Protein backbone atom coordinates (compact mmCIF):
# COMPACT_ATOMS: atom_id res chain seq x y z
CA MET A 1 143.11 -76.32 208.67
CA LYS A 2 140.19 -76.05 211.02
CA PRO A 3 136.97 -74.40 209.84
CA ALA A 4 136.21 -70.93 211.18
CA ASN A 5 133.45 -70.60 213.75
CA ASP A 6 131.60 -67.62 215.21
CA ASN A 7 134.21 -67.21 217.96
CA SER A 8 137.18 -67.41 215.62
CA ALA A 9 139.51 -64.43 215.13
CA ASP A 10 139.35 -65.26 211.40
CA VAL A 11 135.67 -64.30 211.16
CA THR A 12 134.24 -60.80 211.23
CA SER A 13 130.48 -60.56 211.28
CA LEU A 14 128.98 -57.50 209.64
CA LYS A 15 125.47 -56.13 209.75
CA PRO A 16 123.88 -55.89 206.27
CA CYS A 17 124.40 -52.10 206.10
CA ASP A 18 128.06 -52.49 207.16
CA HIS A 19 128.56 -55.32 204.67
CA GLN A 20 127.32 -53.12 201.82
CA ALA A 21 129.48 -50.14 202.84
CA PHE A 22 132.58 -52.32 203.27
CA PHE A 23 132.35 -53.83 199.80
CA GLU A 24 131.47 -50.51 198.16
CA VAL A 25 134.71 -49.03 199.50
CA LEU A 26 136.66 -52.04 198.23
CA ASP A 27 135.15 -51.54 194.77
CA SER A 28 135.78 -47.76 194.74
CA PRO A 29 138.48 -46.80 197.23
CA PRO A 30 138.81 -43.13 198.13
CA SER A 31 141.78 -41.11 196.90
CA PRO A 32 144.69 -40.94 199.32
CA THR A 33 144.72 -37.91 201.61
CA GLU A 34 147.67 -35.55 201.81
CA ALA A 35 148.48 -36.99 205.25
CA LEU A 36 148.75 -40.49 203.75
CA ARG A 37 150.89 -39.22 200.88
CA ALA A 38 153.18 -37.48 203.38
CA ALA A 39 153.49 -40.68 205.42
CA PHE A 40 154.54 -42.62 202.31
CA ARG A 41 157.09 -39.91 201.42
CA ARG A 42 158.58 -40.07 204.93
CA THR A 43 158.80 -43.85 204.77
CA LYS A 44 160.38 -43.75 201.32
CA GLU A 45 162.93 -41.12 202.44
CA ARG A 46 163.77 -43.05 205.61
CA SER A 47 164.18 -46.28 203.63
CA PHE A 48 166.42 -44.53 201.11
CA ARG A 49 168.62 -42.99 203.84
CA GLN A 50 168.98 -46.34 205.61
CA ASN A 51 169.54 -48.17 202.30
CA THR A 52 166.67 -50.53 203.15
CA TRP A 53 165.42 -50.11 199.60
CA LEU A 54 168.48 -51.99 198.34
CA PRO A 55 168.36 -55.78 198.13
CA LYS A 56 170.50 -57.57 200.72
CA MET A 57 173.76 -58.84 199.22
CA ASN A 58 175.26 -62.01 200.70
C-alpha cells in the first residue's frame, strides 16, 4: 500500500475550524430529519416488495 500524499484522493485537508466542526458532528450526530426517515421507509418498503430483504437461497 502506498502512503497518501497531498494530491491523493484518500486525503482530505481541513482548515482548523472545519476540523473541529467535523469531529464535533461525529461525536454528537444530529437527529434524523423526517425526510431522512421517509427515505429509509421507502427503501425498506421497496426492499420488502422486491424480496431483497430475504437472503439469497442457492
